[in-house]
């Protein structure tokens, strides 16, 4: 069974119910390293340890038909044929009992969901792209959609920021060579940060409903007690967004940590800010289309 959008307490309730309804003698929980799901009496395995020989062969020997394997937040790459995924499939081939939990149904595109589908179906359709009719026929999906959405607060930057942006853009293009072209938006996006902080400080109250006026940014370069990095965000807090991560999976992790699916984004009047904001709006649209297909 696949569960999308469940909180940790809801996950534990589903696991407990499954154990009570089936002849389960052993429970193995495989979790993303940053999102453990501690449950007394279970064997806890880190996602990064799955491919280690000492872990893989031990687990492979211990799983039998009375073992429940829980896959928790393990959609970590878009590569459906990733070595760790293949190791997990080997575990799941030895038991009919598996529960798959994931906060969002995809990292980027809906085809990412098919990795979760493979886990639930013994990879019988490993080469098939996303097919809502196949999923409806063959998988057991329970969905609690999160309202992944973005709204904006526009920020006017200083003339010197615009000049620096133009100079840095030209320099990055000139020196790009054979490097990853994504280095250009990654670097340019940081240039509006100081103006955004000025905009925040100019308001006596937070610009929107955030906990203690806190904002999330990519790093600590702005040296403000109002700003935390994405690694520092805490459960139950709400944050404004100084800048979005370049990788969607990093923002997905932010949603998992905070359960904050709806966010207000500070958007500077720089072309790169508009690009990032539109990019995430399109991502949100893709997620909601997947929710609709799975409903």
Protein backbone atom coordinates (compact mmCIF):
# COMPACT_ATOMS: atom_id res chain seq x y z
CA UNK A 1 0.00 0.00 0.00
CA UNK A 2 1.15 3.54 -0.81
CA UNK A 3 0.32 6.43 1.51
CA UNK A 4 0.88 9.99 0.28
CA UNK A 5 0.85 13.03 2.58
CA UNK A 6 0.67 11.27 5.96
CA UNK A 7 2.16 12.76 9.12
CA UNK A 8 4.50 10.64 11.26
CA UNK A 9 1.76 9.97 13.81
CA UNK A 10 -0.58 8.83 11.03
CA UNK A 11 2.17 6.57 9.67
CA UNK A 12 2.64 4.92 13.05
CA UNK A 13 -1.11 4.34 13.35
CA UNK A 14 -1.21 2.65 9.93
CA UNK A 15 1.74 0.44 10.80
CA UNK A 16 0.19 -0.56 14.12
CA UNK A 17 -3.12 -1.38 12.45
CA UNK A 18 -1.43 -3.47 9.79
CA UNK A 19 0.56 -5.41 12.38
CA UNK A 20 -2.57 -6.19 14.38
CA UNK A 21 -4.48 -7.36 11.31
CA UNK A 22 -1.75 -9.60 9.88
CA UNK A 23 0.58 -12.29 11.16
CA UNK A 24 3.59 -9.96 11.31
CA UNK A 25 6.54 -11.19 13.34
CA UNK A 26 9.17 -8.68 12.24
CA UNK A 27 9.01 -5.06 11.05
CA UNK A 28 11.82 -3.43 9.08
CA UNK A 29 11.61 0.34 8.62
CA UNK A 30 13.78 1.85 5.88
CA UNK A 31 13.82 5.65 6.19
CA UNK A 32 15.54 8.57 4.51
CA UNK A 33 18.50 9.47 6.73
CA UNK A 34 17.03 12.86 7.69
CA UNK A 35 13.52 11.50 8.37
CA UNK A 36 13.70 8.55 10.78
CA UNK A 37 10.47 6.96 11.97
CA UNK A 38 11.33 5.40 15.36
CA UNK A 39 8.96 2.63 16.43
CA UNK A 40 9.73 0.35 19.38
CA UNK A 41 10.46 -3.24 18.45
CA UNK A 42 11.32 -2.51 14.81
CA UNK A 43 14.56 -2.84 12.86
CA UNK A 44 15.50 0.70 11.75
CA UNK A 45 17.56 1.01 8.56
CA UNK A 46 18.95 4.23 7.10
CA UNK A 47 18.40 4.68 3.38
CA UNK A 48 22.11 5.37 2.86
CA UNK A 49 23.00 2.05 4.54
CA UNK A 50 20.83 -0.11 2.28
CA UNK A 51 23.58 -0.60 -0.31
CA UNK A 52 26.20 -1.50 2.30
CA UNK A 53 27.03 -5.20 2.04
CA UNK A 54 26.76 -5.74 5.79
CA UNK A 55 23.25 -4.26 5.79
CA UNK A 56 21.94 -5.58 2.49
CA UNK A 57 22.81 -9.24 3.02
CA UNK A 58 21.72 -9.26 6.65
CA UNK A 59 18.29 -7.86 5.82
CA UNK A 60 17.96 -10.09 2.78
CA UNK A 61 18.48 -13.16 4.99
CA UNK A 62 16.09 -12.00 7.70
CA UNK A 63 13.03 -11.12 5.60
CA UNK A 64 10.44 -13.85 5.27
CA UNK A 65 6.74 -14.08 4.50
CA UNK A 66 5.86 -12.76 7.97
CA UNK A 67 7.99 -9.64 7.69
CA UNK A 68 6.53 -6.17 7.13
CA UNK A 69 8.83 -3.79 5.24
CA UNK A 70 8.07 -0.09 5.67
CA UNK A 71 9.53 2.32 3.10
CA UNK A 72 9.54 5.80 4.62
CA UNK A 73 10.32 8.93 2.56
CA UNK A 74 12.74 7.02 0.33
CA UNK A 75 11.97 8.75 -2.96
CA UNK A 76 15.38 10.40 -3.10
CA UNK A 77 16.34 10.37 -6.78
CA UNK A 78 14.52 10.50 -10.11
CA UNK A 79 16.59 7.58 -11.39
CA UNK A 80 14.12 4.69 -11.25
CA UNK A 81 16.98 2.22 -11.69
CA UNK A 82 19.11 3.58 -8.87
CA UNK A 83 21.19 0.95 -7.05
CA UNK A 84 19.55 1.65 -3.68
CA UNK A 85 16.09 1.28 -5.24
CA UNK A 86 17.16 -2.06 -6.71
CA UNK A 87 18.32 -3.23 -3.29
CA UNK A 88 14.97 -2.25 -1.77
CA UNK A 89 13.18 -4.19 -4.52
CA UNK A 90 15.13 -7.28 -3.55
CA UNK A 91 13.82 -6.94 0.00
CA UNK A 92 10.24 -6.47 -1.14
CA UNK A 93 10.37 -9.50 -3.42
CA UNK A 94 10.63 -11.70 -0.31
CA UNK A 95 7.41 -10.62 1.39
CA UNK A 96 3.86 -9.63 0.48
CA UNK A 97 3.77 -7.12 3.34
CA UNK A 98 4.90 -3.59 2.52
CA UNK A 99 3.77 -0.08 3.41
CA UNK A 100 5.18 2.85 1.42
CA UNK A 101 5.00 6.37 2.86
CA UNK A 102 5.93 9.55 1.00
CA UNK A 103 5.07 13.17 1.74
CA UNK A 104 4.73 14.30 -1.89
CA UNK A 105 4.04 11.96 -4.82
CA UNK A 106 7.03 13.15 -6.85
CA UNK A 107 10.35 14.97 -6.82
CA UNK A 108 9.80 16.79 -10.09
CA UNK A 109 7.53 15.04 -12.60
CA UNK A 110 4.75 12.51 -12.11
CA UNK A 111 6.92 9.70 -13.50
CA UNK A 112 8.78 9.86 -10.17
CA UNK A 113 5.71 8.27 -8.57
CA UNK A 114 6.39 5.10 -10.54
CA UNK A 115 9.31 4.30 -8.22
CA UNK A 116 6.78 4.07 -5.37
CA UNK A 117 4.50 2.07 -7.68
CA UNK A 118 7.37 -0.37 -8.34
CA UNK A 119 7.82 -0.87 -4.59
CA UNK A 120 4.15 -1.76 -4.22
CA UNK A 121 3.95 -4.11 -7.22
CA UNK A 122 7.19 -6.11 -7.13
CA UNK A 123 8.42 -4.05 -10.10
CA UNK A 124 6.25 -5.96 -12.57
CA UNK A 125 5.89 -2.79 -14.67
CA UNK A 126 9.34 -1.38 -14.07
CA UNK A 127 9.69 0.08 -17.58
CA UNK A 128 6.22 1.63 -17.81
CA UNK A 129 5.83 5.43 -17.55
CA UNK A 130 3.15 7.01 -15.39
CA UNK A 131 -0.20 5.44 -16.27
CA UNK A 132 -3.11 6.40 -14.03
CA UNK A 133 -5.25 3.48 -15.21
CA UNK A 134 -2.50 0.94 -14.51
CA UNK A 135 -1.94 2.50 -11.08
CA UNK A 136 -5.65 2.39 -10.27
CA UNK A 137 -5.82 -1.27 -11.28
CA UNK A 138 -2.66 -2.56 -9.66
CA UNK A 139 -1.67 -0.31 -6.74
CA UNK A 140 -3.32 0.60 -3.45
CA UNK A 141 -2.91 4.35 -3.02
CA UNK A 142 -4.28 6.39 -0.13
CA UNK A 143 -3.94 10.11 -0.70
CA UNK A 144 -3.95 13.13 1.63
CA UNK A 145 -3.07 15.97 -0.77
CA UNK A 146 -1.05 18.87 0.61
CA UNK A 147 -1.85 22.35 -0.73
CA UNK A 148 1.54 22.96 -2.33
CA UNK A 149 1.17 26.54 -3.49
CA UNK A 150 3.08 29.79 -3.63
CA UNK A 151 2.20 33.45 -3.40
CA UNK A 152 4.54 36.38 -3.74
CA UNK A 153 5.70 39.60 -2.14
CA UNK A 154 7.50 41.77 -4.67
CA UNK A 155 10.73 43.51 -3.64
CA UNK A 156 12.31 46.46 -5.42
CA UNK A 157 16.10 46.25 -5.53
CA UNK A 158 18.57 49.14 -5.41
CA UNK A 159 20.18 50.42 -8.59
CA UNK A 160 23.57 49.14 -7.43
CA UNK A 161 22.07 45.64 -7.07
CA UNK A 162 20.80 45.76 -10.64
CA UNK A 163 24.23 46.86 -11.85
CA UNK A 164 25.95 44.08 -9.91
CA UNK A 165 23.43 41.59 -11.28
CA UNK A 166 24.18 42.64 -14.86
CA UNK A 167 27.93 42.44 -14.31
CA UNK A 168 27.75 39.04 -12.60
CA UNK A 169 25.46 37.64 -15.29
CA UNK A 170 27.85 38.67 -18.05
CA UNK A 171 30.81 37.25 -16.14
CA UNK A 172 29.09 33.91 -15.50
CA UNK A 173 28.16 33.51 -19.15
CA UNK A 174 31.66 34.48 -20.24
CA UNK A 175 33.34 31.98 -17.92
CA UNK A 176 30.81 29.15 -18.18
CA UNK A 177 32.73 26.91 -20.59
CA UNK A 178 31.78 23.27 -20.07
CA UNK A 179 30.45 23.78 -16.54
CA UNK A 180 26.87 23.06 -15.51
CA UNK A 181 24.76 25.95 -16.91
CA UNK A 182 22.62 25.86 -13.76
CA UNK A 183 25.49 27.58 -11.98
CA UNK A 184 24.23 30.81 -13.58
CA UNK A 185 20.77 30.99 -11.95
CA UNK A 186 22.12 29.51 -8.70
CA UNK A 187 24.62 32.35 -8.32
CA UNK A 188 22.47 35.19 -9.66
CA UNK A 189 19.56 34.32 -7.37
CA UNK A 190 21.60 35.19 -4.28
CA UNK A 191 22.22 38.78 -5.37
CA UNK A 192 18.83 40.10 -4.31
CA UNK A 193 19.09 38.77 -0.75
CA UNK A 194 20.35 41.97 0.89
CA UNK A 195 17.52 44.01 -0.63
CA UNK A 196 15.01 41.44 0.60
CA UNK A 197 16.40 41.73 4.13
CA UNK A 198 16.08 45.53 3.95
CA UNK A 199 12.47 45.04 2.85
CA UNK A 200 11.83 42.75 5.83
CA UNK A 201 13.47 45.08 8.34
CA UNK A 202 11.46 48.03 7.04
CA UNK A 203 8.29 46.40 8.34
CA UNK A 204 7.47 46.46 12.05
CA UNK A 205 5.49 43.23 11.67
CA UNK A 206 6.27 40.20 9.52
CA UNK A 207 5.10 40.59 5.93
CA UNK A 208 2.88 37.57 6.32
CA UNK A 209 1.95 34.88 8.82
CA UNK A 210 5.27 33.42 9.89
CA UNK A 211 6.50 32.26 13.28
CA UNK A 212 8.47 35.00 15.07
CA UNK A 213 9.15 36.70 11.74
CA UNK A 214 11.46 33.91 10.53
CA UNK A 215 12.52 33.44 6.93
CA UNK A 216 14.28 30.58 5.15
CA UNK A 217 17.28 31.19 2.89
CA UNK A 218 19.91 29.05 1.19
CA UNK A 219 22.68 30.08 3.56
CA UNK A 220 23.58 32.42 6.44
CA UNK A 221 25.37 35.06 4.34
CA UNK A 222 22.87 37.82 5.30
CA UNK A 223 23.82 37.56 8.98
CA UNK A 224 20.37 38.17 10.46
CA UNK A 225 18.62 36.50 13.39
CA UNK A 226 15.45 36.58 11.29
CA UNK A 227 16.91 34.16 8.75
CA UNK A 228 17.55 30.42 9.04
CA UNK A 229 18.84 27.95 6.49
CA UNK A 230 16.69 25.14 5.16
CA UNK A 231 18.66 22.73 7.35
CA UNK A 232 17.66 24.72 10.44
CA UNK A 233 13.89 24.88 9.97
CA UNK A 234 11.82 23.32 12.76
CA UNK A 235 8.58 21.32 12.84
CA UNK A 236 5.51 23.39 13.51
CA UNK A 237 7.11 26.72 12.58
CA UNK A 238 6.09 28.82 9.59
CA UNK A 239 8.61 30.59 7.42
CA UNK A 240 8.67 33.20 4.73
CA UNK A 241 10.97 32.34 1.84
CA UNK A 242 13.94 34.55 0.98
CA UNK A 243 15.00 32.26 -1.86
CA UNK A 244 13.82 28.89 -3.08
CA UNK A 245 16.22 25.93 -3.30
CA UNK A 246 17.48 25.09 -6.76
CA UNK A 247 16.48 21.43 -6.41
CA UNK A 248 12.82 20.62 -5.89
CA UNK A 249 13.72 17.76 -3.57
CA UNK A 250 15.25 20.24 -1.12
CA UNK A 251 11.98 22.15 -0.94
CA UNK A 252 10.11 18.86 -0.64
CA UNK A 253 12.30 18.12 2.40
CA UNK A 254 11.37 21.56 3.78
CA UNK A 255 7.69 20.64 3.47
CA UNK A 256 8.34 17.31 5.16
CA UNK A 257 10.13 18.96 8.10
CA UNK A 258 7.66 21.80 8.64
CA UNK A 259 4.40 20.52 7.10
CA UNK A 260 4.25 24.00 5.53
CA UNK A 261 2.90 23.38 2.06
CA UNK A 262 1.75 26.93 1.33
CA UNK A 263 4.44 29.62 1.29
CA UNK A 264 4.94 33.31 0.62
CA UNK A 265 7.98 34.04 -1.53
CA UNK A 266 9.98 37.26 -1.62
CA UNK A 267 10.48 37.98 -5.34
CA UNK A 268 13.03 40.62 -6.30
CA UNK A 269 12.68 42.62 -9.53
CA UNK A 270 15.47 40.58 -11.11
CA UNK A 271 14.90 38.22 -14.01
CA UNK A 272 16.28 35.23 -12.11
CA UNK A 273 13.79 35.71 -9.26
CA UNK A 274 10.92 35.65 -11.71
CA UNK A 275 12.39 32.51 -13.28
CA UNK A 276 12.57 30.68 -9.95
CA UNK A 277 9.09 31.75 -8.91
CA UNK A 278 7.53 30.62 -12.21
CA UNK A 279 9.51 27.40 -12.09
CA UNK A 280 8.04 26.55 -8.70
CA UNK A 281 4.55 27.54 -9.80
CA UNK A 282 4.86 25.01 -12.62
CA UNK A 283 6.11 22.40 -10.14
CA UNK A 284 3.08 23.02 -7.94
CA UNK A 285 0.83 22.58 -10.97
CA UNK A 286 2.47 19.24 -11.82
CA UNK A 287 1.98 17.99 -8.26
CA UNK A 288 -1.70 18.88 -8.26
CA UNK A 289 -2.17 17.19 -11.62
CA UNK A 290 -0.65 14.04 -10.12
CA UNK A 291 -2.99 14.29 -7.13
CA UNK A 292 -5.92 14.44 -9.55
CA UNK A 293 -4.65 11.43 -11.50
CA UNK A 294 -4.26 9.37 -8.33
CA UNK A 295 -7.63 10.31 -6.82
